[in-house]
Amino acid sequence: VFVVSRIKEAHDRGLETRAAISYGI
């Protein structure tokens, strides 16, 4: 939940998925 929440947070702000994954992790 903690990691995916950060990934989704970045994705919702406009990052494409792979960049959001990198940022979230």
PDBML (XML) file of the C-alpha atoms, coordinates in Angstrom:
<?xml version="1.0" encoding="UTF-8" ?>
<PDBx:datablock datablockName="MODEL"
   xmlns:PDBx="http://pdbml.pdb.org/schema/pdbx-v50.xsd"
   xmlns:xsi="http://www.w3.org/2001/XMLSchema-instance"
   xsi:schemaLocation="http://pdbml.pdb.org/schema/pdbx-v50.xsd pdbx-v50.xsd">
   <PDBx:atom_siteCategory>
      <PDBx:atom_site id="1">
         <PDBx:B_iso_or_equiv>0.00</PDBx:B_iso_or_equiv>
         <PDBx:Cartn_x>0.000</PDBx:Cartn_x>
         <PDBx:Cartn_y>0.000</PDBx:Cartn_y>
         <PDBx:Cartn_z>0.000</PDBx:Cartn_z>
         <PDBx:auth_asym_id>A</PDBx:auth_asym_id>
         <PDBx:auth_atom_id>CA</PDBx:auth_atom_id>
         <PDBx:auth_comp_id>VAL</PDBx:auth_comp_id>
         <PDBx:auth_seq_id>1</PDBx:auth_seq_id>
         <PDBx:group_PDB>ATOM</PDBx:group_PDB>
         <PDBx:label_alt_id xsi:nil="true" />
         <PDBx:label_asym_id>A</PDBx:label_asym_id>
         <PDBx:label_atom_id>CA</PDBx:label_atom_id>
         <PDBx:label_comp_id>VAL</PDBx:label_comp_id>
         <PDBx:label_entity_id>1</PDBx:label_entity_id>
         <PDBx:label_seq_id>1</PDBx:label_seq_id>
         <PDBx:occupancy>1.00</PDBx:occupancy>
         <PDBx:pdbx_PDB_model_num>1</PDBx:pdbx_PDB_model_num>
         <PDBx:type_symbol>C</PDBx:type_symbol>
      </PDBx:atom_site>
      <PDBx:atom_site id="2">
         <PDBx:B_iso_or_equiv>0.00</PDBx:B_iso_or_equiv>
         <PDBx:Cartn_x>2.776</PDBx:Cartn_x>
         <PDBx:Cartn_y>2.421</PDBx:Cartn_y>
         <PDBx:Cartn_z>0.928</PDBx:Cartn_z>
         <PDBx:auth_asym_id>A</PDBx:auth_asym_id>
         <PDBx:auth_atom_id>CA</PDBx:auth_atom_id>
         <PDBx:auth_comp_id>PHE</PDBx:auth_comp_id>
         <PDBx:auth_seq_id>2</PDBx:auth_seq_id>
         <PDBx:group_PDB>ATOM</PDBx:group_PDB>
         <PDBx:label_alt_id xsi:nil="true" />
         <PDBx:label_asym_id>A</PDBx:label_asym_id>
         <PDBx:label_atom_id>CA</PDBx:label_atom_id>
         <PDBx:label_comp_id>PHE</PDBx:label_comp_id>
         <PDBx:label_entity_id>1</PDBx:label_entity_id>
         <PDBx:label_seq_id>2</PDBx:label_seq_id>
         <PDBx:occupancy>1.00</PDBx:occupancy>
         <PDBx:pdbx_PDB_model_num>1</PDBx:pdbx_PDB_model_num>
         <PDBx:type_symbol>C</PDBx:type_symbol>
      </PDBx:atom_site>
      <PDBx:atom_site id="3">
         <PDBx:B_iso_or_equiv>0.00</PDBx:B_iso_or_equiv>
         <PDBx:Cartn_x>4.807</PDBx:Cartn_x>
         <PDBx:Cartn_y>1.893</PDBx:Cartn_y>
         <PDBx:Cartn_z>-2.259</PDBx:Cartn_z>
         <PDBx:auth_asym_id>A</PDBx:auth_asym_id>
         <PDBx:auth_atom_id>CA</PDBx:auth_atom_id>
         <PDBx:auth_comp_id>VAL</PDBx:auth_comp_id>
         <PDBx:auth_seq_id>3</PDBx:auth_seq_id>
         <PDBx:group_PDB>ATOM</PDBx:group_PDB>
         <PDBx:label_alt_id xsi:nil="true" />
         <PDBx:label_asym_id>A</PDBx:label_asym_id>
         <PDBx:label_atom_id>CA</PDBx:label_atom_id>
         <PDBx:label_comp_id>VAL</PDBx:label_comp_id>
         <PDBx:label_entity_id>1</PDBx:label_entity_id>
         <PDBx:label_seq_id>3</PDBx:label_seq_id>
         <PDBx:occupancy>1.00</PDBx:occupancy>
         <PDBx:pdbx_PDB_model_num>1</PDBx:pdbx_PDB_model_num>
         <PDBx:type_symbol>C</PDBx:type_symbol>
      </PDBx:atom_site>
      <PDBx:atom_site id="4">
         <PDBx:B_iso_or_equiv>0.00</PDBx:B_iso_or_equiv>
         <PDBx:Cartn_x>1.879</PDBx:Cartn_x>
         <PDBx:Cartn_y>1.706</PDBx:Cartn_y>
         <PDBx:Cartn_z>-4.688</PDBx:Cartn_z>
         <PDBx:auth_asym_id>A</PDBx:auth_asym_id>
         <PDBx:auth_atom_id>CA</PDBx:auth_atom_id>
         <PDBx:auth_comp_id>VAL</PDBx:auth_comp_id>
         <PDBx:auth_seq_id>4</PDBx:auth_seq_id>
         <PDBx:group_PDB>ATOM</PDBx:group_PDB>
         <PDBx:label_alt_id xsi:nil="true" />
         <PDBx:label_asym_id>A</PDBx:label_asym_id>
         <PDBx:label_atom_id>CA</PDBx:label_atom_id>
         <PDBx:label_comp_id>VAL</PDBx:label_comp_id>
         <PDBx:label_entity_id>1</PDBx:label_entity_id>
         <PDBx:label_seq_id>4</PDBx:label_seq_id>
         <PDBx:occupancy>1.00</PDBx:occupancy>
         <PDBx:pdbx_PDB_model_num>1</PDBx:pdbx_PDB_model_num>
         <PDBx:type_symbol>C</PDBx:type_symbol>
      </PDBx:atom_site>
      <PDBx:atom_site id="5">
         <PDBx:B_iso_or_equiv>0.00</PDBx:B_iso_or_equiv>
         <PDBx:Cartn_x>0.311</PDBx:Cartn_x>
         <PDBx:Cartn_y>4.805</PDBx:Cartn_y>
         <PDBx:Cartn_z>-3.095</PDBx:Cartn_z>
         <PDBx:auth_asym_id>A</PDBx:auth_asym_id>
         <PDBx:auth_atom_id>CA</PDBx:auth_atom_id>
         <PDBx:auth_comp_id>SER</PDBx:auth_comp_id>
         <PDBx:auth_seq_id>5</PDBx:auth_seq_id>
         <PDBx:group_PDB>ATOM</PDBx:group_PDB>
         <PDBx:label_alt_id xsi:nil="true" />
         <PDBx:label_asym_id>A</PDBx:label_asym_id>
         <PDBx:label_atom_id>CA</PDBx:label_atom_id>
         <PDBx:label_comp_id>SER</PDBx:label_comp_id>
         <PDBx:label_entity_id>1</PDBx:label_entity_id>
         <PDBx:label_seq_id>5</PDBx:label_seq_id>
         <PDBx:occupancy>1.00</PDBx:occupancy>
         <PDBx:pdbx_PDB_model_num>1</PDBx:pdbx_PDB_model_num>
         <PDBx:type_symbol>C</PDBx:type_symbol>
      </PDBx:atom_site>
      <PDBx:atom_site id="6">
         <PDBx:B_iso_or_equiv>0.00</PDBx:B_iso_or_equiv>
         <PDBx:Cartn_x>3.440</PDBx:Cartn_x>
         <PDBx:Cartn_y>6.793</PDBx:Cartn_y>
         <PDBx:Cartn_z>-3.991</PDBx:Cartn_z>
         <PDBx:auth_asym_id>A</PDBx:auth_asym_id>
         <PDBx:auth_atom_id>CA</PDBx:auth_atom_id>
         <PDBx:auth_comp_id>ARG</PDBx:auth_comp_id>
         <PDBx:auth_seq_id>6</PDBx:auth_seq_id>
         <PDBx:group_PDB>ATOM</PDBx:group_PDB>
         <PDBx:label_alt_id xsi:nil="true" />
         <PDBx:label_asym_id>A</PDBx:label_asym_id>
         <PDBx:label_atom_id>CA</PDBx:label_atom_id>
         <PDBx:label_comp_id>ARG</PDBx:label_comp_id>
         <PDBx:label_entity_id>1</PDBx:label_entity_id>
         <PDBx:label_seq_id>6</PDBx:label_seq_id>
         <PDBx:occupancy>1.00</PDBx:occupancy>
         <PDBx:pdbx_PDB_model_num>1</PDBx:pdbx_PDB_model_num>
         <PDBx:type_symbol>C</PDBx:type_symbol>
      </PDBx:atom_site>
      <PDBx:atom_site id="7">
         <PDBx:B_iso_or_equiv>0.00</PDBx:B_iso_or_equiv>
         <PDBx:Cartn_x>3.456</PDBx:Cartn_x>
         <PDBx:Cartn_y>5.355</PDBx:Cartn_y>
         <PDBx:Cartn_z>-7.512</PDBx:Cartn_z>
         <PDBx:auth_asym_id>A</PDBx:auth_asym_id>
         <PDBx:auth_atom_id>CA</PDBx:auth_atom_id>
         <PDBx:auth_comp_id>ILE</PDBx:auth_comp_id>
         <PDBx:auth_seq_id>7</PDBx:auth_seq_id>
         <PDBx:group_PDB>ATOM</PDBx:group_PDB>
         <PDBx:label_alt_id xsi:nil="true" />
         <PDBx:label_asym_id>A</PDBx:label_asym_id>
         <PDBx:label_atom_id>CA</PDBx:label_atom_id>
         <PDBx:label_comp_id>ILE</PDBx:label_comp_id>
         <PDBx:label_entity_id>1</PDBx:label_entity_id>
         <PDBx:label_seq_id>7</PDBx:label_seq_id>
         <PDBx:occupancy>1.00</PDBx:occupancy>
         <PDBx:pdbx_PDB_model_num>1</PDBx:pdbx_PDB_model_num>
         <PDBx:type_symbol>C</PDBx:type_symbol>
      </PDBx:atom_site>
      <PDBx:atom_site id="8">
         <PDBx:B_iso_or_equiv>0.00</PDBx:B_iso_or_equiv>
         <PDBx:Cartn_x>-0.219</PDBx:Cartn_x>
         <PDBx:Cartn_y>6.228</PDBx:Cartn_y>
         <PDBx:Cartn_z>-8.012</PDBx:Cartn_z>
         <PDBx:auth_asym_id>A</PDBx:auth_asym_id>
         <PDBx:auth_atom_id>CA</PDBx:auth_atom_id>
         <PDBx:auth_comp_id>LYS</PDBx:auth_comp_id>
         <PDBx:auth_seq_id>8</PDBx:auth_seq_id>
         <PDBx:group_PDB>ATOM</PDBx:group_PDB>
         <PDBx:label_alt_id xsi:nil="true" />
         <PDBx:label_asym_id>A</PDBx:label_asym_id>
         <PDBx:label_atom_id>CA</PDBx:label_atom_id>
         <PDBx:label_comp_id>LYS</PDBx:label_comp_id>
         <PDBx:label_entity_id>1</PDBx:label_entity_id>
         <PDBx:label_seq_id>8</PDBx:label_seq_id>
         <PDBx:occupancy>1.00</PDBx:occupancy>
         <PDBx:pdbx_PDB_model_num>1</PDBx:pdbx_PDB_model_num>
         <PDBx:type_symbol>C</PDBx:type_symbol>
      </PDBx:atom_site>
      <PDBx:atom_site id="9">
         <PDBx:B_iso_or_equiv>0.00</PDBx:B_iso_or_equiv>
         <PDBx:Cartn_x>0.338</PDBx:Cartn_x>
         <PDBx:Cartn_y>9.668</PDBx:Cartn_y>
         <PDBx:Cartn_z>-6.494</PDBx:Cartn_z>
         <PDBx:auth_asym_id>A</PDBx:auth_asym_id>
         <PDBx:auth_atom_id>CA</PDBx:auth_atom_id>
         <PDBx:auth_comp_id>GLU</PDBx:auth_comp_id>
         <PDBx:auth_seq_id>9</PDBx:auth_seq_id>
         <PDBx:group_PDB>ATOM</PDBx:group_PDB>
         <PDBx:label_alt_id xsi:nil="true" />
         <PDBx:label_asym_id>A</PDBx:label_asym_id>
         <PDBx:label_atom_id>CA</PDBx:label_atom_id>
         <PDBx:label_comp_id>GLU</PDBx:label_comp_id>
         <PDBx:label_entity_id>1</PDBx:label_entity_id>
         <PDBx:label_seq_id>9</PDBx:label_seq_id>
         <PDBx:occupancy>1.00</PDBx:occupancy>
         <PDBx:pdbx_PDB_model_num>1</PDBx:pdbx_PDB_model_num>
         <PDBx:type_symbol>C</PDBx:type_symbol>
      </PDBx:atom_site>
      <PDBx:atom_site id="10">
         <PDBx:B_iso_or_equiv>0.00</PDBx:B_iso_or_equiv>
         <PDBx:Cartn_x>3.067</PDBx:Cartn_x>
         <PDBx:Cartn_y>10.387</PDBx:Cartn_y>
         <PDBx:Cartn_z>-9.072</PDBx:Cartn_z>
         <PDBx:auth_asym_id>A</PDBx:auth_asym_id>
         <PDBx:auth_atom_id>CA</PDBx:auth_atom_id>
         <PDBx:auth_comp_id>ALA</PDBx:auth_comp_id>
         <PDBx:auth_seq_id>10</PDBx:auth_seq_id>
         <PDBx:group_PDB>ATOM</PDBx:group_PDB>
         <PDBx:label_alt_id xsi:nil="true" />
         <PDBx:label_asym_id>A</PDBx:label_asym_id>
         <PDBx:label_atom_id>CA</PDBx:label_atom_id>
         <PDBx:label_comp_id>ALA</PDBx:label_comp_id>
         <PDBx:label_entity_id>1</PDBx:label_entity_id>
         <PDBx:label_seq_id>10</PDBx:label_seq_id>
         <PDBx:occupancy>1.00</PDBx:occupancy>
         <PDBx:pdbx_PDB_model_num>1</PDBx:pdbx_PDB_model_num>
         <PDBx:type_symbol>C</PDBx:type_symbol>
      </PDBx:atom_site>
      <PDBx:atom_site id="11">
         <PDBx:B_iso_or_equiv>0.00</PDBx:B_iso_or_equiv>
         <PDBx:Cartn_x>0.973</PDBx:Cartn_x>
         <PDBx:Cartn_y>8.941</PDBx:Cartn_y>
         <PDBx:Cartn_z>-11.902</PDBx:Cartn_z>
         <PDBx:auth_asym_id>A</PDBx:auth_asym_id>
         <PDBx:auth_atom_id>CA</PDBx:auth_atom_id>
         <PDBx:auth_comp_id>HIS</PDBx:auth_comp_id>
         <PDBx:auth_seq_id>11</PDBx:auth_seq_id>
         <PDBx:group_PDB>ATOM</PDBx:group_PDB>
         <PDBx:label_alt_id xsi:nil="true" />
         <PDBx:label_asym_id>A</PDBx:label_asym_id>
         <PDBx:label_atom_id>CA</PDBx:label_atom_id>
         <PDBx:label_comp_id>HIS</PDBx:label_comp_id>
         <PDBx:label_entity_id>1</PDBx:label_entity_id>
         <PDBx:label_seq_id>11</PDBx:label_seq_id>
         <PDBx:occupancy>1.00</PDBx:occupancy>
         <PDBx:pdbx_PDB_model_num>1</PDBx:pdbx_PDB_model_num>
         <PDBx:type_symbol>C</PDBx:type_symbol>
      </PDBx:atom_site>
      <PDBx:atom_site id="12">
         <PDBx:B_iso_or_equiv>0.00</PDBx:B_iso_or_equiv>
         <PDBx:Cartn_x>-2.029</PDBx:Cartn_x>
         <PDBx:Cartn_y>11.078</PDBx:Cartn_y>
         <PDBx:Cartn_z>-10.926</PDBx:Cartn_z>
         <PDBx:auth_asym_id>A</PDBx:auth_asym_id>
         <PDBx:auth_atom_id>CA</PDBx:auth_atom_id>
         <PDBx:auth_comp_id>ASP</PDBx:auth_comp_id>
         <PDBx:auth_seq_id>12</PDBx:auth_seq_id>
         <PDBx:group_PDB>ATOM</PDBx:group_PDB>
         <PDBx:label_alt_id xsi:nil="true" />
         <PDBx:label_asym_id>A</PDBx:label_asym_id>
         <PDBx:label_atom_id>CA</PDBx:label_atom_id>
         <PDBx:label_comp_id>ASP</PDBx:label_comp_id>
         <PDBx:label_entity_id>1</PDBx:label_entity_id>
         <PDBx:label_seq_id>12</PDBx:label_seq_id>
         <PDBx:occupancy>1.00</PDBx:occupancy>
         <PDBx:pdbx_PDB_model_num>1</PDBx:pdbx_PDB_model_num>
         <PDBx:type_symbol>C</PDBx:type_symbol>
      </PDBx:atom_site>
      <PDBx:atom_site id="13">
         <PDBx:B_iso_or_equiv>0.00</PDBx:B_iso_or_equiv>
         <PDBx:Cartn_x>0.211</PDBx:Cartn_x>
         <PDBx:Cartn_y>14.152</PDBx:Cartn_y>
         <PDBx:Cartn_z>-11.148</PDBx:Cartn_z>
         <PDBx:auth_asym_id>A</PDBx:auth_asym_id>
         <PDBx:auth_atom_id>CA</PDBx:auth_atom_id>
         <PDBx:auth_comp_id>ARG</PDBx:auth_comp_id>
         <PDBx:auth_seq_id>13</PDBx:auth_seq_id>
         <PDBx:group_PDB>ATOM</PDBx:group_PDB>
         <PDBx:label_alt_id xsi:nil="true" />
         <PDBx:label_asym_id>A</PDBx:label_asym_id>
         <PDBx:label_atom_id>CA</PDBx:label_atom_id>
         <PDBx:label_comp_id>ARG</PDBx:label_comp_id>
         <PDBx:label_entity_id>1</PDBx:label_entity_id>
         <PDBx:label_seq_id>13</PDBx:label_seq_id>
         <PDBx:occupancy>1.00</PDBx:occupancy>
         <PDBx:pdbx_PDB_model_num>1</PDBx:pdbx_PDB_model_num>
         <PDBx:type_symbol>C</PDBx:type_symbol>
      </PDBx:atom_site>
      <PDBx:atom_site id="14">
         <PDBx:B_iso_or_equiv>0.00</PDBx:B_iso_or_equiv>
         <PDBx:Cartn_x>1.068</PDBx:Cartn_x>
         <PDBx:Cartn_y>13.436</PDBx:Cartn_y>
         <PDBx:Cartn_z>-14.765</PDBx:Cartn_z>
         <PDBx:auth_asym_id>A</PDBx:auth_asym_id>
         <PDBx:auth_atom_id>CA</PDBx:auth_atom_id>
         <PDBx:auth_comp_id>GLY</PDBx:auth_comp_id>
         <PDBx:auth_seq_id>14</PDBx:auth_seq_id>
         <PDBx:group_PDB>ATOM</PDBx:group_PDB>
         <PDBx:label_alt_id xsi:nil="true" />
         <PDBx:label_asym_id>A</PDBx:label_asym_id>
         <PDBx:label_atom_id>CA</PDBx:label_atom_id>
         <PDBx:label_comp_id>GLY</PDBx:label_comp_id>
         <PDBx:label_entity_id>1</PDBx:label_entity_id>
         <PDBx:label_seq_id>14</PDBx:label_seq_id>
         <PDBx:occupancy>1.00</PDBx:occupancy>
         <PDBx:pdbx_PDB_model_num>1</PDBx:pdbx_PDB_model_num>
         <PDBx:type_symbol>C</PDBx:type_symbol>
      </PDBx:atom_site>
      <PDBx:atom_site id="15">
         <PDBx:B_iso_or_equiv>0.00</PDBx:B_iso_or_equiv>
         <PDBx:Cartn_x>4.018</PDBx:Cartn_x>
         <PDBx:Cartn_y>11.028</PDBx:Cartn_y>
         <PDBx:Cartn_z>-14.814</PDBx:Cartn_z>
         <PDBx:auth_asym_id>A</PDBx:auth_asym_id>
         <PDBx:auth_atom_id>CA</PDBx:auth_atom_id>
         <PDBx:auth_comp_id>LEU</PDBx:auth_comp_id>
         <PDBx:auth_seq_id>15</PDBx:auth_seq_id>
         <PDBx:group_PDB>ATOM</PDBx:group_PDB>
         <PDBx:label_alt_id xsi:nil="true" />
         <PDBx:label_asym_id>A</PDBx:label_asym_id>
         <PDBx:label_atom_id>CA</PDBx:label_atom_id>
         <PDBx:label_comp_id>LEU</PDBx:label_comp_id>
         <PDBx:label_entity_id>1</PDBx:label_entity_id>
         <PDBx:label_seq_id>15</PDBx:label_seq_id>
         <PDBx:occupancy>1.00</PDBx:occupancy>
         <PDBx:pdbx_PDB_model_num>1</PDBx:pdbx_PDB_model_num>
         <PDBx:type_symbol>C</PDBx:type_symbol>
      </PDBx:atom_site>
      <PDBx:atom_site id="16">
         <PDBx:B_iso_or_equiv>0.00</PDBx:B_iso_or_equiv>
         <PDBx:Cartn_x>3.820</PDBx:Cartn_x>
         <PDBx:Cartn_y>8.170</PDBx:Cartn_y>
         <PDBx:Cartn_z>-17.287</PDBx:Cartn_z>
         <PDBx:auth_asym_id>A</PDBx:auth_asym_id>
         <PDBx:auth_atom_id>CA</PDBx:auth_atom_id>
         <PDBx:auth_comp_id>GLU</PDBx:auth_comp_id>
         <PDBx:auth_seq_id>16</PDBx:auth_seq_id>
         <PDBx:group_PDB>ATOM</PDBx:group_PDB>
         <PDBx:label_alt_id xsi:nil="true" />
         <PDBx:label_asym_id>A</PDBx:label_asym_id>
         <PDBx:label_atom_id>CA</PDBx:label_atom_id>
         <PDBx:label_comp_id>GLU</PDBx:label_comp_id>
         <PDBx:label_entity_id>1</PDBx:label_entity_id>
         <PDBx:label_seq_id>16</PDBx:label_seq_id>
         <PDBx:occupancy>1.00</PDBx:occupancy>
         <PDBx:pdbx_PDB_model_num>1</PDBx:pdbx_PDB_model_num>
         <PDBx:type_symbol>C</PDBx:type_symbol>
      </PDBx:atom_site>
      <PDBx:atom_site id="17">
         <PDBx:B_iso_or_equiv>0.00</PDBx:B_iso_or_equiv>
         <PDBx:Cartn_x>3.679</PDBx:Cartn_x>
         <PDBx:Cartn_y>4.750</PDBx:Cartn_y>
         <PDBx:Cartn_z>-15.619</PDBx:Cartn_z>
         <PDBx:auth_asym_id>A</PDBx:auth_asym_id>
         <PDBx:auth_atom_id>CA</PDBx:auth_atom_id>
         <PDBx:auth_comp_id>THR</PDBx:auth_comp_id>
         <PDBx:auth_seq_id>17</PDBx:auth_seq_id>
         <PDBx:group_PDB>ATOM</PDBx:group_PDB>
         <PDBx:label_alt_id xsi:nil="true" />
         <PDBx:label_asym_id>A</PDBx:label_asym_id>
         <PDBx:label_atom_id>CA</PDBx:label_atom_id>
         <PDBx:label_comp_id>THR</PDBx:label_comp_id>
         <PDBx:label_entity_id>1</PDBx:label_entity_id>
         <PDBx:label_seq_id>17</PDBx:label_seq_id>
         <PDBx:occupancy>1.00</PDBx:occupancy>
         <PDBx:pdbx_PDB_model_num>1</PDBx:pdbx_PDB_model_num>
         <PDBx:type_symbol>C</PDBx:type_symbol>
      </PDBx:atom_site>
      <PDBx:atom_site id="18">
         <PDBx:B_iso_or_equiv>0.00</PDBx:B_iso_or_equiv>
         <PDBx:Cartn_x>7.333</PDBx:Cartn_x>
         <PDBx:Cartn_y>3.697</PDBx:Cartn_y>
         <PDBx:Cartn_z>-15.842</PDBx:Cartn_z>
         <PDBx:auth_asym_id>A</PDBx:auth_asym_id>
         <PDBx:auth_atom_id>CA</PDBx:auth_atom_id>
         <PDBx:auth_comp_id>ARG</PDBx:auth_comp_id>
         <PDBx:auth_seq_id>18</PDBx:auth_seq_id>
         <PDBx:group_PDB>ATOM</PDBx:group_PDB>
         <PDBx:label_alt_id xsi:nil="true" />
         <PDBx:label_asym_id>A</PDBx:label_asym_id>
         <PDBx:label_atom_id>CA</PDBx:label_atom_id>
         <PDBx:label_comp_id>ARG</PDBx:label_comp_id>
         <PDBx:label_entity_id>1</PDBx:label_entity_id>
         <PDBx:label_seq_id>18</PDBx:label_seq_id>
         <PDBx:occupancy>1.00</PDBx:occupancy>
         <PDBx:pdbx_PDB_model_num>1</PDBx:pdbx_PDB_model_num>
         <PDBx:type_symbol>C</PDBx:type_symbol>
      </PDBx:atom_site>
      <PDBx:atom_site id="19">
         <PDBx:B_iso_or_equiv>0.00</PDBx:B_iso_or_equiv>
         <PDBx:Cartn_x>8.555</PDBx:Cartn_x>
         <PDBx:Cartn_y>7.071</PDBx:Cartn_y>
         <PDBx:Cartn_z>-14.555</PDBx:Cartn_z>
         <PDBx:auth_asym_id>A</PDBx:auth_asym_id>
         <PDBx:auth_atom_id>CA</PDBx:auth_atom_id>
         <PDBx:auth_comp_id>ALA</PDBx:auth_comp_id>
         <PDBx:auth_seq_id>19</PDBx:auth_seq_id>
         <PDBx:group_PDB>ATOM</PDBx:group_PDB>
         <PDBx:label_alt_id xsi:nil="true" />
         <PDBx:label_asym_id>A</PDBx:label_asym_id>
         <PDBx:label_atom_id>CA</PDBx:label_atom_id>
         <PDBx:label_comp_id>ALA</PDBx:label_comp_id>
         <PDBx:label_entity_id>1</PDBx:label_entity_id>
         <PDBx:label_seq_id>19</PDBx:label_seq_id>
         <PDBx:occupancy>1.00</PDBx:occupancy>
         <PDBx:pdbx_PDB_model_num>1</PDBx:pdbx_PDB_model_num>
         <PDBx:type_symbol>C</PDBx:type_symbol>
      </PDBx:atom_site>
      <PDBx:atom_site id="20">
         <PDBx:B_iso_or_equiv>0.00</PDBx:B_iso_or_equiv>
         <PDBx:Cartn_x>5.952</PDBx:Cartn_x>
         <PDBx:Cartn_y>6.911</PDBx:Cartn_y>
         <PDBx:Cartn_z>-11.771</PDBx:Cartn_z>
         <PDBx:auth_asym_id>A</PDBx:auth_asym_id>
         <PDBx:auth_atom_id>CA</PDBx:auth_atom_id>
         <PDBx:auth_comp_id>ALA</PDBx:auth_comp_id>
         <PDBx:auth_seq_id>20</PDBx:auth_seq_id>
         <PDBx:group_PDB>ATOM</PDBx:group_PDB>
         <PDBx:label_alt_id xsi:nil="true" />
         <PDBx:label_asym_id>A</PDBx:label_asym_id>
         <PDBx:label_atom_id>CA</PDBx:label_atom_id>
         <PDBx:label_comp_id>ALA</PDBx:label_comp_id>
         <PDBx:label_entity_id>1</PDBx:label_entity_id>
         <PDBx:label_seq_id>20</PDBx:label_seq_id>
         <PDBx:occupancy>1.00</PDBx:occupancy>
         <PDBx:pdbx_PDB_model_num>1</PDBx:pdbx_PDB_model_num>
         <PDBx:type_symbol>C</PDBx:type_symbol>
      </PDBx:atom_site>
      <PDBx:atom_site id="21">
         <PDBx:B_iso_or_equiv>0.00</PDBx:B_iso_or_equiv>
         <PDBx:Cartn_x>7.183</PDBx:Cartn_x>
         <PDBx:Cartn_y>3.429</PDBx:Cartn_y>
         <PDBx:Cartn_z>-10.809</PDBx:Cartn_z>
         <PDBx:auth_asym_id>A</PDBx:auth_asym_id>
         <PDBx:auth_atom_id>CA</PDBx:auth_atom_id>
         <PDBx:auth_comp_id>ILE</PDBx:auth_comp_id>
         <PDBx:auth_seq_id>21</PDBx:auth_seq_id>
         <PDBx:group_PDB>ATOM</PDBx:group_PDB>
         <PDBx:label_alt_id xsi:nil="true" />
         <PDBx:label_asym_id>A</PDBx:label_asym_id>
         <PDBx:label_atom_id>CA</PDBx:label_atom_id>
         <PDBx:label_comp_id>ILE</PDBx:label_comp_id>
         <PDBx:label_entity_id>1</PDBx:label_entity_id>
         <PDBx:label_seq_id>21</PDBx:label_seq_id>
         <PDBx:occupancy>1.00</PDBx:occupancy>
         <PDBx:pdbx_PDB_model_num>1</PDBx:pdbx_PDB_model_num>
         <PDBx:type_symbol>C</PDBx:type_symbol>
      </PDBx:atom_site>
      <PDBx:atom_site id="22">
         <PDBx:B_iso_or_equiv>0.00</PDBx:B_iso_or_equiv>
         <PDBx:Cartn_x>10.770</PDBx:Cartn_x>
         <PDBx:Cartn_y>4.630</PDBx:Cartn_y>
         <PDBx:Cartn_z>-10.709</PDBx:Cartn_z>
         <PDBx:auth_asym_id>A</PDBx:auth_asym_id>
         <PDBx:auth_atom_id>CA</PDBx:auth_atom_id>
         <PDBx:auth_comp_id>SER</PDBx:auth_comp_id>
         <PDBx:auth_seq_id>22</PDBx:auth_seq_id>
         <PDBx:group_PDB>ATOM</PDBx:group_PDB>
         <PDBx:label_alt_id xsi:nil="true" />
         <PDBx:label_asym_id>A</PDBx:label_asym_id>
         <PDBx:label_atom_id>CA</PDBx:label_atom_id>
         <PDBx:label_comp_id>SER</PDBx:label_comp_id>
         <PDBx:label_entity_id>1</PDBx:label_entity_id>
         <PDBx:label_seq_id>22</PDBx:label_seq_id>
         <PDBx:occupancy>1.00</PDBx:occupancy>
         <PDBx:pdbx_PDB_model_num>1</PDBx:pdbx_PDB_model_num>
         <PDBx:type_symbol>C</PDBx:type_symbol>
      </PDBx:atom_site>
      <PDBx:atom_site id="23">
         <PDBx:B_iso_or_equiv>0.00</PDBx:B_iso_or_equiv>
         <PDBx:Cartn_x>9.814</PDBx:Cartn_x>
         <PDBx:Cartn_y>7.648</PDBx:Cartn_y>
         <PDBx:Cartn_z>-8.594</PDBx:Cartn_z>
         <PDBx:auth_asym_id>A</PDBx:auth_asym_id>
         <PDBx:auth_atom_id>CA</PDBx:auth_atom_id>
         <PDBx:auth_comp_id>TYR</PDBx:auth_comp_id>
         <PDBx:auth_seq_id>23</PDBx:auth_seq_id>
         <PDBx:group_PDB>ATOM</PDBx:group_PDB>
         <PDBx:label_alt_id xsi:nil="true" />
         <PDBx:label_asym_id>A</PDBx:label_asym_id>
         <PDBx:label_atom_id>CA</PDBx:label_atom_id>
         <PDBx:label_comp_id>TYR</PDBx:label_comp_id>
         <PDBx:label_entity_id>1</PDBx:label_entity_id>
         <PDBx:label_seq_id>23</PDBx:label_seq_id>
         <PDBx:occupancy>1.00</PDBx:occupancy>
         <PDBx:pdbx_PDB_model_num>1</PDBx:pdbx_PDB_model_num>
         <PDBx:type_symbol>C</PDBx:type_symbol>
      </PDBx:atom_site>
      <PDBx:atom_site id="24">
         <PDBx:B_iso_or_equiv>0.00</PDBx:B_iso_or_equiv>
         <PDBx:Cartn_x>7.570</PDBx:Cartn_x>
         <PDBx:Cartn_y>5.633</PDBx:Cartn_y>
         <PDBx:Cartn_z>-6.256</PDBx:Cartn_z>
         <PDBx:auth_asym_id>A</PDBx:auth_asym_id>
         <PDBx:auth_atom_id>CA</PDBx:auth_atom_id>
         <PDBx:auth_comp_id>GLY</PDBx:auth_comp_id>
         <PDBx:auth_seq_id>24</PDBx:auth_seq_id>
         <PDBx:group_PDB>ATOM</PDBx:group_PDB>
         <PDBx:label_alt_id xsi:nil="true" />
         <PDBx:label_asym_id>A</PDBx:label_asym_id>
         <PDBx:label_atom_id>CA</PDBx:label_atom_id>
         <PDBx:label_comp_id>GLY</PDBx:label_comp_id>
         <PDBx:label_entity_id>1</PDBx:label_entity_id>
         <PDBx:label_seq_id>24</PDBx:label_seq_id>
         <PDBx:occupancy>1.00</PDBx:occupancy>
         <PDBx:pdbx_PDB_model_num>1</PDBx:pdbx_PDB_model_num>
         <PDBx:type_symbol>C</PDBx:type_symbol>
      </PDBx:atom_site>
      <PDBx:atom_site id="25">
         <PDBx:B_iso_or_equiv>0.00</PDBx:B_iso_or_equiv>
         <PDBx:Cartn_x>10.132</PDBx:Cartn_x>
         <PDBx:Cartn_y>2.903</PDBx:Cartn_y>
         <PDBx:Cartn_z>-5.586</PDBx:Cartn_z>
         <PDBx:auth_asym_id>A</PDBx:auth_asym_id>
         <PDBx:auth_atom_id>CA</PDBx:auth_atom_id>
         <PDBx:auth_comp_id>ILE</PDBx:auth_comp_id>
         <PDBx:auth_seq_id>25</PDBx:auth_seq_id>
         <PDBx:group_PDB>ATOM</PDBx:group_PDB>
         <PDBx:label_alt_id xsi:nil="true" />
         <PDBx:label_asym_id>A</PDBx:label_asym_id>
         <PDBx:label_atom_id>CA</PDBx:label_atom_id>
         <PDBx:label_comp_id>ILE</PDBx:label_comp_id>
         <PDBx:label_entity_id>1</PDBx:label_entity_id>
         <PDBx:label_seq_id>25</PDBx:label_seq_id>
         <PDBx:occupancy>1.00</PDBx:occupancy>
         <PDBx:pdbx_PDB_model_num>1</PDBx:pdbx_PDB_model_num>
         <PDBx:type_symbol>C</PDBx:type_symbol>
      </PDBx:atom_site>
   </PDBx:atom_siteCategory>
</PDBx:datablock>
